């Protein structure tokens, strides 16, 4: 028989797996076929949060990345409620949800995960950590990047996402990255690489 702590971790791991199957709801409204999942979103948020935190001089970039990875875990139970839904339905506080989600975890693990969600949710407050602000901007930047990718693939309904995300950025680095994302074609990394295929020195 598994000890209670390990059983709780397994239950929590299965629950977080729902994020791999949970579509980003706002993109569905914009007629994106097979939109990204919340889990796919959180992956790039973690990467961006780490990079932004380094450029902003945050003392703990690794924590910023971890905030990005965990920030949407409450959506396992809340769903990915977009602006249309929130106009009519008041959803539960993510900080309350994460407390319920982690109640079976070993105490130290539960406390750590709750603190991550609490910190991310405080990102706009006067006492927000720089890591939380970087995680916030990474969240918005990933949405902007994803909208640009869908736009590049032919979806014409992305401008509202792009404008909203640009106006939501908090840090100087986040704002500059937002502008860079507008200037760079989403396929640039591949187009530049493919143009060099067959060139001397390409390994």
N, C-alpha and C. Protein backbone atom coordinates (compact mmCIF):
# COMPACT_ATOMS: atom_id res chain seq x y z
N UNK A 1 0.85 -1.19 0.00
CA UNK A 1 0.00 0.00 0.00
C UNK A 1 0.89 1.25 0.00
N UNK A 2 0.62 2.18 -0.92
CA UNK A 2 1.40 3.40 -1.00
C UNK A 2 1.19 4.26 0.23
N UNK A 3 2.25 4.95 0.62
CA UNK A 3 2.10 5.91 1.72
C UNK A 3 1.26 7.08 1.21
N UNK A 4 0.55 7.74 2.09
CA UNK A 4 -0.43 8.75 1.71
C UNK A 4 0.18 9.88 0.89
N UNK A 5 1.40 10.28 1.22
CA UNK A 5 2.03 11.35 0.47
C UNK A 5 2.25 11.01 -0.98
N UNK A 6 2.74 9.80 -1.24
CA UNK A 6 2.99 9.39 -2.62
C UNK A 6 1.68 9.21 -3.39
N UNK A 7 0.67 8.69 -2.71
CA UNK A 7 -0.64 8.55 -3.35
C UNK A 7 -1.19 9.93 -3.75
N UNK A 8 -1.02 10.89 -2.85
CA UNK A 8 -1.49 12.24 -3.15
C UNK A 8 -0.77 12.85 -4.33
N UNK A 9 0.54 12.60 -4.42
CA UNK A 9 1.31 13.11 -5.55
C UNK A 9 0.81 12.50 -6.86
N UNK A 10 0.54 11.21 -6.84
CA UNK A 10 0.04 10.54 -8.05
C UNK A 10 -1.30 11.13 -8.47
N UNK A 11 -2.18 11.36 -7.50
CA UNK A 11 -3.49 11.96 -7.81
C UNK A 11 -3.31 13.35 -8.41
N UNK A 12 -2.43 14.15 -7.81
CA UNK A 12 -2.18 15.50 -8.30
C UNK A 12 -1.58 15.46 -9.71
N UNK A 13 -0.68 14.52 -9.95
CA UNK A 13 -0.07 14.40 -11.27
C UNK A 13 -1.10 14.05 -12.33
N UNK A 14 -2.02 13.14 -11.99
CA UNK A 14 -3.09 12.81 -12.95
C UNK A 14 -3.97 14.04 -13.21
N UNK A 15 -4.26 14.80 -12.15
CA UNK A 15 -5.10 15.98 -12.35
C UNK A 15 -4.42 17.00 -13.25
N UNK A 16 -3.14 17.25 -13.02
CA UNK A 16 -2.44 18.25 -13.85
C UNK A 16 -2.34 17.79 -15.30
N UNK A 17 -2.44 16.49 -15.53
CA UNK A 17 -2.46 15.98 -16.90
C UNK A 17 -3.63 16.49 -17.71
N UNK A 18 -4.67 16.94 -17.02
CA UNK A 18 -5.83 17.49 -17.75
C UNK A 18 -5.44 18.71 -18.57
N UNK A 19 -4.41 19.44 -18.12
CA UNK A 19 -3.99 20.63 -18.86
C UNK A 19 -3.49 20.29 -20.26
N UNK A 20 -3.04 19.05 -20.45
CA UNK A 20 -2.59 18.63 -21.78
C UNK A 20 -3.77 18.47 -22.73
N UNK A 21 -4.96 18.29 -22.18
CA UNK A 21 -6.16 18.08 -23.00
C UNK A 21 -7.09 19.28 -23.02
N UNK A 22 -6.76 20.30 -22.22
CA UNK A 22 -7.63 21.47 -22.08
C UNK A 22 -7.23 22.55 -23.09
N UNK A 23 -8.10 22.82 -24.04
CA UNK A 23 -7.79 23.80 -25.08
C UNK A 23 -7.85 25.22 -24.53
N UNK A 24 -7.05 26.09 -25.12
CA UNK A 24 -7.10 27.51 -24.79
C UNK A 24 -8.37 28.09 -25.41
N UNK A 25 -9.31 28.41 -24.54
CA UNK A 25 -10.68 28.68 -24.93
C UNK A 25 -10.84 29.91 -25.83
N UNK A 26 -10.08 30.95 -25.56
CA UNK A 26 -10.22 32.16 -26.36
C UNK A 26 -9.90 31.94 -27.81
N UNK A 27 -8.93 31.09 -28.08
CA UNK A 27 -8.58 30.82 -29.47
C UNK A 27 -9.66 29.99 -30.17
N UNK A 28 -10.37 29.17 -29.42
CA UNK A 28 -11.51 28.46 -30.01
C UNK A 28 -12.56 29.45 -30.49
N UNK A 29 -12.84 30.47 -29.67
CA UNK A 29 -13.81 31.50 -30.07
C UNK A 29 -13.39 32.20 -31.35
N UNK A 30 -12.08 32.33 -31.55
CA UNK A 30 -11.55 33.02 -32.73
C UNK A 30 -11.42 32.09 -33.94
N UNK A 31 -12.08 30.95 -33.86
CA UNK A 31 -12.16 29.99 -34.96
C UNK A 31 -10.80 29.41 -35.31
N UNK A 32 -10.02 29.09 -34.28
CA UNK A 32 -8.78 28.35 -34.48
C UNK A 32 -9.11 26.86 -34.35
N UNK A 33 -8.84 26.12 -35.39
CA UNK A 33 -9.05 24.67 -35.34
C UNK A 33 -7.94 24.04 -34.51
N UNK A 34 -8.30 23.21 -33.56
CA UNK A 34 -7.33 22.53 -32.70
C UNK A 34 -6.35 23.50 -32.03
N UNK A 35 -6.86 24.44 -31.22
CA UNK A 35 -5.96 25.39 -30.57
C UNK A 35 -5.04 24.70 -29.57
N UNK A 36 -3.98 25.40 -29.23
CA UNK A 36 -3.03 24.86 -28.27
C UNK A 36 -3.71 24.52 -26.94
N UNK A 37 -3.08 23.62 -26.20
CA UNK A 37 -3.58 23.28 -24.87
C UNK A 37 -2.99 24.23 -23.84
N UNK A 38 -3.59 24.24 -22.66
CA UNK A 38 -3.06 25.05 -21.56
C UNK A 38 -1.65 24.59 -21.20
N UNK A 39 -1.41 23.30 -21.27
CA UNK A 39 -0.09 22.76 -20.96
C UNK A 39 0.95 23.26 -21.96
N UNK A 40 0.60 23.27 -23.23
CA UNK A 40 1.52 23.78 -24.25
C UNK A 40 1.82 25.26 -24.00
N UNK A 41 0.80 26.00 -23.64
CA UNK A 41 0.98 27.41 -23.29
C UNK A 41 1.95 27.57 -22.12
N UNK A 42 1.75 26.80 -21.07
CA UNK A 42 2.57 26.94 -19.86
C UNK A 42 4.04 26.60 -20.12
N UNK A 43 4.29 25.69 -21.06
CA UNK A 43 5.67 25.33 -21.38
C UNK A 43 6.46 26.56 -21.85
N UNK A 44 5.92 27.29 -22.82
CA UNK A 44 6.65 28.45 -23.32
C UNK A 44 6.62 29.60 -22.32
N UNK A 45 5.57 29.69 -21.49
CA UNK A 45 5.56 30.71 -20.45
C UNK A 45 6.76 30.52 -19.52
N UNK A 46 7.03 29.27 -19.13
CA UNK A 46 8.17 29.01 -18.26
C UNK A 46 9.48 29.43 -18.89
N UNK A 47 9.66 29.14 -20.18
CA UNK A 47 10.89 29.52 -20.89
C UNK A 47 11.02 31.04 -20.95
N UNK A 48 9.95 31.71 -21.34
CA UNK A 48 9.98 33.16 -21.46
C UNK A 48 10.19 33.84 -20.10
N UNK A 49 9.56 33.31 -19.07
CA UNK A 49 9.70 33.90 -17.73
C UNK A 49 11.16 33.85 -17.29
N UNK A 50 11.82 32.75 -17.57
CA UNK A 50 13.24 32.60 -17.21
C UNK A 50 14.09 33.65 -17.94
N UNK A 51 13.85 33.81 -19.23
CA UNK A 51 14.63 34.75 -20.03
C UNK A 51 14.37 36.19 -19.60
N UNK A 52 13.11 36.54 -19.42
CA UNK A 52 12.76 37.90 -19.01
C UNK A 52 13.38 38.22 -17.66
N UNK A 53 13.32 37.24 -16.75
CA UNK A 53 13.85 37.46 -15.40
C UNK A 53 15.36 37.73 -15.43
N UNK A 54 16.08 37.01 -16.29
CA UNK A 54 17.52 37.26 -16.42
C UNK A 54 17.75 38.69 -16.93
N UNK A 55 17.03 39.07 -17.97
CA UNK A 55 17.23 40.40 -18.56
C UNK A 55 16.79 41.51 -17.63
N UNK A 56 15.82 41.24 -16.77
CA UNK A 56 15.35 42.23 -15.80
C UNK A 56 16.22 42.28 -14.54
N UNK A 57 17.16 41.34 -14.44
CA UNK A 57 18.01 41.31 -13.26
C UNK A 57 17.34 40.76 -12.03
N UNK A 58 16.33 39.93 -12.22
CA UNK A 58 15.64 39.31 -11.08
C UNK A 58 16.61 38.39 -10.33
N UNK A 59 16.53 38.34 -9.01
CA UNK A 59 17.48 37.51 -8.25
C UNK A 59 17.31 36.01 -8.46
N UNK A 60 16.12 35.57 -8.92
CA UNK A 60 15.87 34.14 -9.03
C UNK A 60 15.12 33.81 -10.33
N UNK A 61 15.80 33.77 -11.47
CA UNK A 61 15.13 33.44 -12.73
C UNK A 61 14.49 32.07 -12.72
N UNK A 62 15.10 31.12 -11.99
CA UNK A 62 14.53 29.77 -11.93
C UNK A 62 13.15 29.80 -11.28
N UNK A 63 12.97 30.66 -10.29
CA UNK A 63 11.65 30.77 -9.67
C UNK A 63 10.65 31.38 -10.65
N UNK A 64 11.08 32.37 -11.40
CA UNK A 64 10.19 32.95 -12.41
C UNK A 64 9.71 31.88 -13.38
N UNK A 65 10.63 31.02 -13.82
CA UNK A 65 10.25 29.93 -14.73
C UNK A 65 9.27 28.99 -14.07
N UNK A 66 9.49 28.69 -12.80
CA UNK A 66 8.60 27.77 -12.08
C UNK A 66 7.22 28.40 -11.90
N UNK A 67 7.17 29.69 -11.63
CA UNK A 67 5.88 30.38 -11.56
C UNK A 67 5.13 30.21 -12.88
N UNK A 68 5.84 30.36 -13.99
CA UNK A 68 5.21 30.22 -15.29
C UNK A 68 4.66 28.83 -15.53
N UNK A 69 5.40 27.83 -15.09
CA UNK A 69 4.96 26.45 -15.29
C UNK A 69 3.70 26.14 -14.48
N UNK A 70 3.63 26.67 -13.26
CA UNK A 70 2.53 26.32 -12.35
C UNK A 70 1.34 27.28 -12.41
N UNK A 71 1.47 28.41 -13.09
CA UNK A 71 0.47 29.47 -12.92
C UNK A 71 -0.94 29.08 -13.32
N UNK A 72 -1.09 28.16 -14.25
CA UNK A 72 -2.44 27.78 -14.71
C UNK A 72 -2.92 26.44 -14.16
N UNK A 73 -2.25 25.88 -13.18
CA UNK A 73 -2.70 24.60 -12.60
C UNK A 73 -4.14 24.68 -12.09
N UNK A 74 -4.58 25.79 -11.49
CA UNK A 74 -5.99 25.84 -11.07
C UNK A 74 -6.99 25.64 -12.21
N UNK A 75 -6.56 25.87 -13.45
CA UNK A 75 -7.48 25.70 -14.58
C UNK A 75 -7.87 24.24 -14.80
N UNK A 76 -7.16 23.31 -14.15
CA UNK A 76 -7.62 21.91 -14.18
C UNK A 76 -9.07 21.83 -13.72
N UNK A 77 -9.42 22.66 -12.74
CA UNK A 77 -10.78 22.65 -12.18
C UNK A 77 -11.63 23.81 -12.67
N UNK A 78 -11.00 24.91 -13.00
CA UNK A 78 -11.76 26.09 -13.42
C UNK A 78 -12.06 26.10 -14.91
N UNK A 79 -11.23 25.41 -15.69
CA UNK A 79 -11.29 25.55 -17.14
C UNK A 79 -10.57 26.82 -17.56
N UNK A 80 -10.38 26.97 -18.86
CA UNK A 80 -9.68 28.14 -19.37
C UNK A 80 -10.72 29.18 -19.77
N UNK A 81 -11.18 29.94 -18.80
CA UNK A 81 -12.25 30.90 -19.04
C UNK A 81 -11.71 32.18 -19.67
N UNK A 82 -12.19 32.48 -20.86
CA UNK A 82 -11.72 33.66 -21.58
C UNK A 82 -12.55 34.88 -21.22
N UNK A 83 -12.24 36.00 -21.85
CA UNK A 83 -12.89 37.27 -21.52
C UNK A 83 -14.40 37.23 -21.73
N UNK A 84 -14.86 36.48 -22.73
CA UNK A 84 -16.31 36.39 -22.97
C UNK A 84 -16.98 35.71 -21.79
N UNK A 85 -16.42 34.58 -21.36
CA UNK A 85 -16.99 33.86 -20.22
C UNK A 85 -16.96 34.70 -18.96
N UNK A 86 -15.84 35.35 -18.71
CA UNK A 86 -15.69 36.15 -17.48
C UNK A 86 -16.64 37.34 -17.44
N UNK A 87 -17.17 37.73 -18.59
CA UNK A 87 -18.14 38.81 -18.63
C UNK A 87 -19.47 38.41 -18.01
N UNK A 88 -19.71 37.10 -17.92
CA UNK A 88 -20.99 36.60 -17.42
C UNK A 88 -20.87 35.73 -16.17
N UNK A 89 -19.71 35.10 -16.00
CA UNK A 89 -19.55 34.11 -14.93
C UNK A 89 -18.38 34.51 -14.05
N UNK A 90 -18.60 34.53 -12.75
CA UNK A 90 -17.51 34.79 -11.81
C UNK A 90 -16.90 33.45 -11.41
N UNK A 91 -15.63 33.28 -11.70
CA UNK A 91 -14.97 32.02 -11.37
C UNK A 91 -14.35 32.10 -9.98
N UNK A 92 -14.06 30.93 -9.43
CA UNK A 92 -13.47 30.86 -8.09
C UNK A 92 -12.06 31.44 -8.09
N UNK A 93 -11.63 31.85 -6.93
CA UNK A 93 -10.28 32.38 -6.74
C UNK A 93 -9.26 31.27 -6.98
N UNK A 94 -8.30 31.46 -7.91
CA UNK A 94 -7.30 30.42 -8.16
C UNK A 94 -6.53 30.02 -6.91
N UNK A 95 -6.34 30.96 -5.99
CA UNK A 95 -5.60 30.66 -4.76
C UNK A 95 -6.38 29.71 -3.86
N UNK A 96 -7.71 29.81 -3.88
CA UNK A 96 -8.53 28.84 -3.14
C UNK A 96 -8.49 27.48 -3.84
N UNK A 97 -8.55 27.51 -5.16
CA UNK A 97 -8.56 26.25 -5.92
C UNK A 97 -7.26 25.48 -5.69
N UNK A 98 -6.12 26.17 -5.72
CA UNK A 98 -4.85 25.45 -5.55
C UNK A 98 -4.74 24.86 -4.15
N UNK A 99 -5.37 25.47 -3.17
CA UNK A 99 -5.37 24.89 -1.83
C UNK A 99 -6.13 23.58 -1.81
N UNK A 100 -7.26 23.53 -2.51
CA UNK A 100 -8.02 22.28 -2.60
C UNK A 100 -7.25 21.23 -3.40
N UNK A 101 -6.63 21.66 -4.48
CA UNK A 101 -5.91 20.73 -5.34
C UNK A 101 -4.73 20.06 -4.63
N UNK A 102 -4.11 20.76 -3.72
CA UNK A 102 -2.88 20.27 -3.08
C UNK A 102 -3.12 19.68 -1.70
N UNK A 103 -4.36 19.51 -1.31
CA UNK A 103 -4.64 19.08 0.07
C UNK A 103 -4.14 17.67 0.38
N UNK A 104 -3.96 16.83 -0.65
CA UNK A 104 -3.46 15.47 -0.42
C UNK A 104 -1.94 15.37 -0.50
N UNK A 105 -1.28 16.46 -0.87
CA UNK A 105 0.17 16.42 -1.04
C UNK A 105 0.87 16.51 0.32
N UNK A 106 2.10 16.00 0.40
CA UNK A 106 2.89 16.21 1.62
C UNK A 106 2.97 17.71 1.93
N UNK A 107 2.97 18.04 3.20
CA UNK A 107 2.86 19.44 3.62
C UNK A 107 3.82 20.38 2.96
N UNK A 108 5.08 20.02 2.90
CA UNK A 108 6.08 20.93 2.32
C UNK A 108 5.86 21.13 0.83
N UNK A 109 5.42 20.09 0.15
CA UNK A 109 5.14 20.20 -1.29
C UNK A 109 3.93 21.09 -1.52
N UNK A 110 2.88 20.85 -0.73
CA UNK A 110 1.66 21.66 -0.86
C UNK A 110 1.94 23.13 -0.62
N UNK A 111 2.70 23.41 0.42
CA UNK A 111 3.01 24.80 0.75
C UNK A 111 3.80 25.48 -0.37
N UNK A 112 4.73 24.75 -0.95
CA UNK A 112 5.56 25.31 -2.03
C UNK A 112 4.72 25.63 -3.26
N UNK A 113 3.84 24.72 -3.64
CA UNK A 113 3.02 24.93 -4.84
C UNK A 113 2.01 26.04 -4.60
N UNK A 114 1.40 26.07 -3.42
CA UNK A 114 0.47 27.16 -3.11
C UNK A 114 1.16 28.51 -3.17
N UNK A 115 2.39 28.56 -2.66
CA UNK A 115 3.14 29.82 -2.67
C UNK A 115 3.43 30.28 -4.09
N UNK A 116 3.67 29.34 -5.01
CA UNK A 116 3.91 29.69 -6.40
C UNK A 116 2.70 30.36 -7.02
N UNK A 117 1.53 29.77 -6.84
CA UNK A 117 0.31 30.34 -7.41
C UNK A 117 -0.01 31.68 -6.75
N UNK A 118 0.15 31.74 -5.43
CA UNK A 118 -0.08 33.01 -4.73
C UNK A 118 0.82 34.11 -5.27
N UNK A 119 2.10 33.78 -5.48
CA UNK A 119 3.05 34.78 -5.95
C UNK A 119 2.71 35.26 -7.35
N UNK A 120 2.39 34.32 -8.23
CA UNK A 120 2.02 34.70 -9.60
C UNK A 120 0.77 35.58 -9.59
N UNK A 121 -0.22 35.21 -8.79
CA UNK A 121 -1.47 35.96 -8.75
C UNK A 121 -1.30 37.37 -8.19
N UNK A 122 -0.22 37.59 -7.44
CA UNK A 122 0.03 38.91 -6.85
C UNK A 122 0.79 39.84 -7.78
N UNK A 123 0.96 39.44 -9.04
CA UNK A 123 1.90 40.11 -9.94
C UNK A 123 1.60 41.59 -10.18
N UNK A 124 0.36 42.01 -10.01
CA UNK A 124 0.02 43.41 -10.26
C UNK A 124 -0.06 44.22 -8.98
N UNK A 125 0.14 43.59 -7.85
CA UNK A 125 0.04 44.28 -6.58
C UNK A 125 1.29 45.07 -6.24
N UNK A 126 1.19 45.94 -5.25
CA UNK A 126 2.33 46.79 -4.88
C UNK A 126 3.51 46.00 -4.32
N UNK A 127 3.24 44.82 -3.78
CA UNK A 127 4.30 44.00 -3.19
C UNK A 127 4.75 42.87 -4.10
N UNK A 128 4.37 42.93 -5.38
CA UNK A 128 4.72 41.86 -6.31
C UNK A 128 6.23 41.70 -6.43
N UNK A 129 6.69 40.46 -6.48
CA UNK A 129 8.10 40.21 -6.72
C UNK A 129 8.40 40.46 -8.20
N UNK A 130 9.65 40.72 -8.49
CA UNK A 130 10.04 40.89 -9.89
C UNK A 130 9.83 39.59 -10.65
N UNK A 131 10.05 38.47 -9.99
CA UNK A 131 9.82 37.16 -10.64
C UNK A 131 8.36 37.01 -11.04
N UNK A 132 7.44 37.47 -10.19
CA UNK A 132 6.01 37.37 -10.52
C UNK A 132 5.67 38.26 -11.71
N UNK A 133 6.26 39.44 -11.76
CA UNK A 133 6.00 40.34 -12.88
C UNK A 133 6.56 39.76 -14.18
N UNK A 134 7.69 39.09 -14.09
CA UNK A 134 8.28 38.43 -15.26
C UNK A 134 7.40 37.27 -15.71
N UNK A 135 6.88 36.51 -14.77
CA UNK A 135 5.98 35.40 -15.11
C UNK A 135 4.70 35.93 -15.75
N UNK A 136 4.18 37.01 -15.20
CA UNK A 136 2.99 37.65 -15.78
C UNK A 136 3.25 38.03 -17.23
N UNK A 137 4.38 38.70 -17.48
CA UNK A 137 4.68 39.14 -18.84
C UNK A 137 4.90 37.95 -19.77
N UNK A 138 5.50 36.90 -19.26
CA UNK A 138 5.70 35.71 -20.08
C UNK A 138 4.36 35.11 -20.49
N UNK A 139 3.39 35.12 -19.58
CA UNK A 139 2.04 34.63 -19.86
C UNK A 139 1.43 35.43 -21.00
N UNK A 140 1.53 36.74 -20.93
CA UNK A 140 0.96 37.60 -21.98
C UNK A 140 1.73 37.48 -23.29
N UNK A 141 3.05 37.39 -23.20
CA UNK A 141 3.86 37.28 -24.41
C UNK A 141 3.62 35.98 -25.15
N UNK A 142 3.44 34.89 -24.40
CA UNK A 142 3.16 33.64 -25.10
C UNK A 142 1.86 33.73 -25.88
N UNK A 143 0.85 34.36 -25.30
CA UNK A 143 -0.41 34.53 -26.01
C UNK A 143 -0.21 35.38 -27.26
N UNK A 144 0.58 36.44 -27.15
CA UNK A 144 0.88 37.28 -28.31
C UNK A 144 1.60 36.49 -29.40
N UNK A 145 2.63 35.74 -29.00
CA UNK A 145 3.37 34.93 -29.95
C UNK A 145 2.48 33.90 -30.63
N UNK A 146 1.62 33.26 -29.83
CA UNK A 146 0.72 32.26 -30.39
C UNK A 146 -0.26 32.89 -31.36
N UNK A 147 -0.76 34.08 -31.02
CA UNK A 147 -1.67 34.77 -31.93
C UNK A 147 -0.96 35.12 -33.24
N UNK A 148 0.29 35.54 -33.16
CA UNK A 148 1.06 35.85 -34.37
C UNK A 148 1.26 34.58 -35.20
N UNK A 149 1.46 33.45 -34.55
CA UNK A 149 1.63 32.18 -35.27
C UNK A 149 0.33 31.79 -35.98
N UNK A 150 -0.80 31.93 -35.28
CA UNK A 150 -2.08 31.62 -35.92
C UNK A 150 -2.36 32.61 -37.07
N UNK A 151 -1.99 33.86 -36.87
CA UNK A 151 -2.17 34.87 -37.91
C UNK A 151 -1.33 34.51 -39.14
N UNK A 152 -0.10 34.08 -38.91
CA UNK A 152 0.78 33.68 -40.00
C UNK A 152 0.22 32.50 -40.78
N UNK A 153 -0.53 31.64 -40.06
CA UNK A 153 -1.13 30.46 -40.70
C UNK A 153 -2.45 30.79 -41.40
N UNK A 154 -2.89 32.06 -41.31
CA UNK A 154 -4.06 32.47 -42.07
C UNK A 154 -5.27 32.90 -41.27
N UNK A 155 -5.22 32.80 -39.94
CA UNK A 155 -6.38 33.23 -39.15
C UNK A 155 -6.39 34.75 -39.07
N UNK A 156 -7.51 35.36 -39.43
CA UNK A 156 -7.61 36.82 -39.50
C UNK A 156 -8.22 37.44 -38.24
N UNK A 157 -8.40 36.64 -37.21
CA UNK A 157 -9.10 37.11 -36.01
C UNK A 157 -8.17 37.36 -34.83
N UNK A 158 -6.90 37.58 -35.09
CA UNK A 158 -5.91 37.60 -34.02
C UNK A 158 -5.55 38.98 -33.48
N UNK A 159 -5.97 40.04 -34.17
CA UNK A 159 -5.50 41.37 -33.77
C UNK A 159 -5.93 41.74 -32.35
N UNK A 160 -7.10 41.33 -31.95
CA UNK A 160 -7.56 41.65 -30.60
C UNK A 160 -6.67 41.03 -29.54
N UNK A 161 -6.20 39.80 -29.79
CA UNK A 161 -5.27 39.15 -28.86
C UNK A 161 -3.94 39.91 -28.81
N UNK A 162 -3.44 40.26 -29.98
CA UNK A 162 -2.16 40.96 -30.07
C UNK A 162 -2.22 42.29 -29.34
N UNK A 163 -3.25 43.08 -29.61
CA UNK A 163 -3.36 44.40 -28.98
C UNK A 163 -3.53 44.28 -27.47
N UNK A 164 -4.38 43.36 -27.04
CA UNK A 164 -4.64 43.21 -25.60
C UNK A 164 -3.38 42.79 -24.86
N UNK A 165 -2.64 41.85 -25.42
CA UNK A 165 -1.44 41.36 -24.74
C UNK A 165 -0.36 42.45 -24.69
N UNK A 166 -0.20 43.20 -25.77
CA UNK A 166 0.78 44.29 -25.77
C UNK A 166 0.49 45.30 -24.67
N UNK A 167 -0.78 45.61 -24.49
CA UNK A 167 -1.17 46.61 -23.49
C UNK A 167 -1.12 46.08 -22.07
N UNK A 168 -0.92 44.77 -21.90
CA UNK A 168 -0.91 44.17 -20.57
C UNK A 168 0.49 44.01 -19.98
N UNK A 169 1.51 44.24 -20.77
CA UNK A 169 2.88 43.98 -20.33
C UNK A 169 3.34 44.99 -19.28
N UNK A 170 4.10 44.50 -18.29
CA UNK A 170 4.49 45.31 -17.14
C UNK A 170 5.96 45.72 -17.14
N UNK A 171 6.85 44.82 -17.52
CA UNK A 171 8.28 45.09 -17.38
C UNK A 171 8.85 45.73 -18.65
N UNK A 172 9.93 46.50 -18.51
CA UNK A 172 10.57 47.06 -19.72
C UNK A 172 10.97 45.97 -20.72
N UNK A 173 11.52 44.87 -20.22
CA UNK A 173 11.92 43.78 -21.13
C UNK A 173 10.71 43.18 -21.82
N UNK A 174 9.64 42.98 -21.06
CA UNK A 174 8.42 42.42 -21.64
C UNK A 174 7.88 43.29 -22.76
N UNK A 175 7.87 44.60 -22.54
CA UNK A 175 7.36 45.53 -23.55
C UNK A 175 8.24 45.52 -24.80
N UNK A 176 9.55 45.47 -24.61
CA UNK A 176 10.45 45.42 -25.76
C UNK A 176 10.31 44.11 -26.52
N UNK A 177 10.14 43.02 -25.80
CA UNK A 177 9.93 41.72 -26.47
C UNK A 177 8.62 41.69 -27.23
N UNK A 178 7.62 42.36 -26.69
CA UNK A 178 6.35 42.44 -27.41
C UNK A 178 6.52 43.11 -28.76
N UNK A 179 7.27 44.20 -28.79
CA UNK A 179 7.52 44.89 -30.06
C UNK A 179 8.36 44.01 -31.00
N UNK A 180 9.33 43.32 -30.44
CA UNK A 180 10.14 42.42 -31.27
C UNK A 180 9.29 41.33 -31.89
N UNK A 181 8.32 40.83 -31.12
CA UNK A 181 7.45 39.77 -31.63
C UNK A 181 6.61 40.24 -32.80
N UNK A 182 6.31 41.54 -32.83
CA UNK A 182 5.56 42.09 -33.96
C UNK A 182 6.43 42.22 -35.20
N UNK A 183 7.69 42.50 -34.99
CA UNK A 183 8.60 42.77 -36.11
C UNK A 183 9.15 41.50 -36.75
N UNK A 184 9.22 40.42 -35.96
CA UNK A 184 9.84 39.18 -36.45
C UNK A 184 8.75 38.24 -36.94
N UNK A 185 8.92 37.74 -38.16
CA UNK A 185 7.99 36.73 -38.70
C UNK A 185 8.11 35.45 -37.88
N UNK A 186 6.99 34.81 -37.52
CA UNK A 186 7.07 33.60 -36.71
C UNK A 186 7.91 32.48 -37.32
N UNK A 187 8.08 32.48 -38.63
CA UNK A 187 8.85 31.42 -39.28
C UNK A 187 10.31 31.80 -39.50
N UNK A 188 10.75 32.93 -38.98
CA UNK A 188 12.10 33.41 -39.26
C UNK A 188 13.18 32.40 -38.89
N UNK A 189 13.03 31.80 -37.70
CA UNK A 189 14.08 30.86 -37.26
C UNK A 189 14.27 29.75 -38.27
N UNK A 190 13.17 29.24 -38.85
CA UNK A 190 13.26 28.13 -39.80
C UNK A 190 13.67 28.62 -41.18
N UNK A 191 13.14 29.75 -41.61
CA UNK A 191 13.49 30.28 -42.92
C UNK A 191 14.98 30.59 -43.01
N UNK A 192 15.53 31.19 -41.95
CA UNK A 192 16.96 31.51 -41.96
C UNK A 192 17.80 30.24 -41.95
N UNK A 193 17.37 29.26 -41.18
CA UNK A 193 18.10 27.99 -41.14
C UNK A 193 18.04 27.29 -42.50
N UNK A 194 16.83 27.20 -43.07
CA UNK A 194 16.67 26.47 -44.34
C UNK A 194 17.42 27.14 -45.47
N UNK A 195 17.58 28.47 -45.40
CA UNK A 195 18.32 29.18 -46.44
C UNK A 195 19.79 28.81 -46.44
N UNK A 196 20.26 28.31 -45.28
CA UNK A 196 21.67 27.93 -45.17
C UNK A 196 21.93 26.47 -45.47
N UNK A 197 20.87 25.69 -45.68
CA UNK A 197 21.05 24.28 -45.95
C UNK A 197 21.90 24.11 -47.22
N UNK A 198 22.92 23.33 -47.12
CA UNK A 198 23.82 23.13 -48.23
C UNK A 198 24.97 24.10 -48.27
N UNK A 199 24.92 25.11 -47.39
CA UNK A 199 26.01 26.08 -47.36
C UNK A 199 27.24 25.47 -46.68
N UNK A 200 28.41 25.87 -47.05
CA UNK A 200 29.62 25.36 -46.39
C UNK A 200 29.60 25.69 -44.89
N UNK A 201 29.98 24.75 -44.12
CA UNK A 201 30.09 24.98 -42.68
C UNK A 201 28.81 24.67 -41.91
N UNK A 202 27.68 24.35 -42.60
CA UNK A 202 26.45 24.01 -41.88
C UNK A 202 26.55 22.57 -41.42
N UNK A 203 26.47 22.40 -40.11
CA UNK A 203 26.57 21.04 -39.58
C UNK A 203 25.19 20.48 -39.28
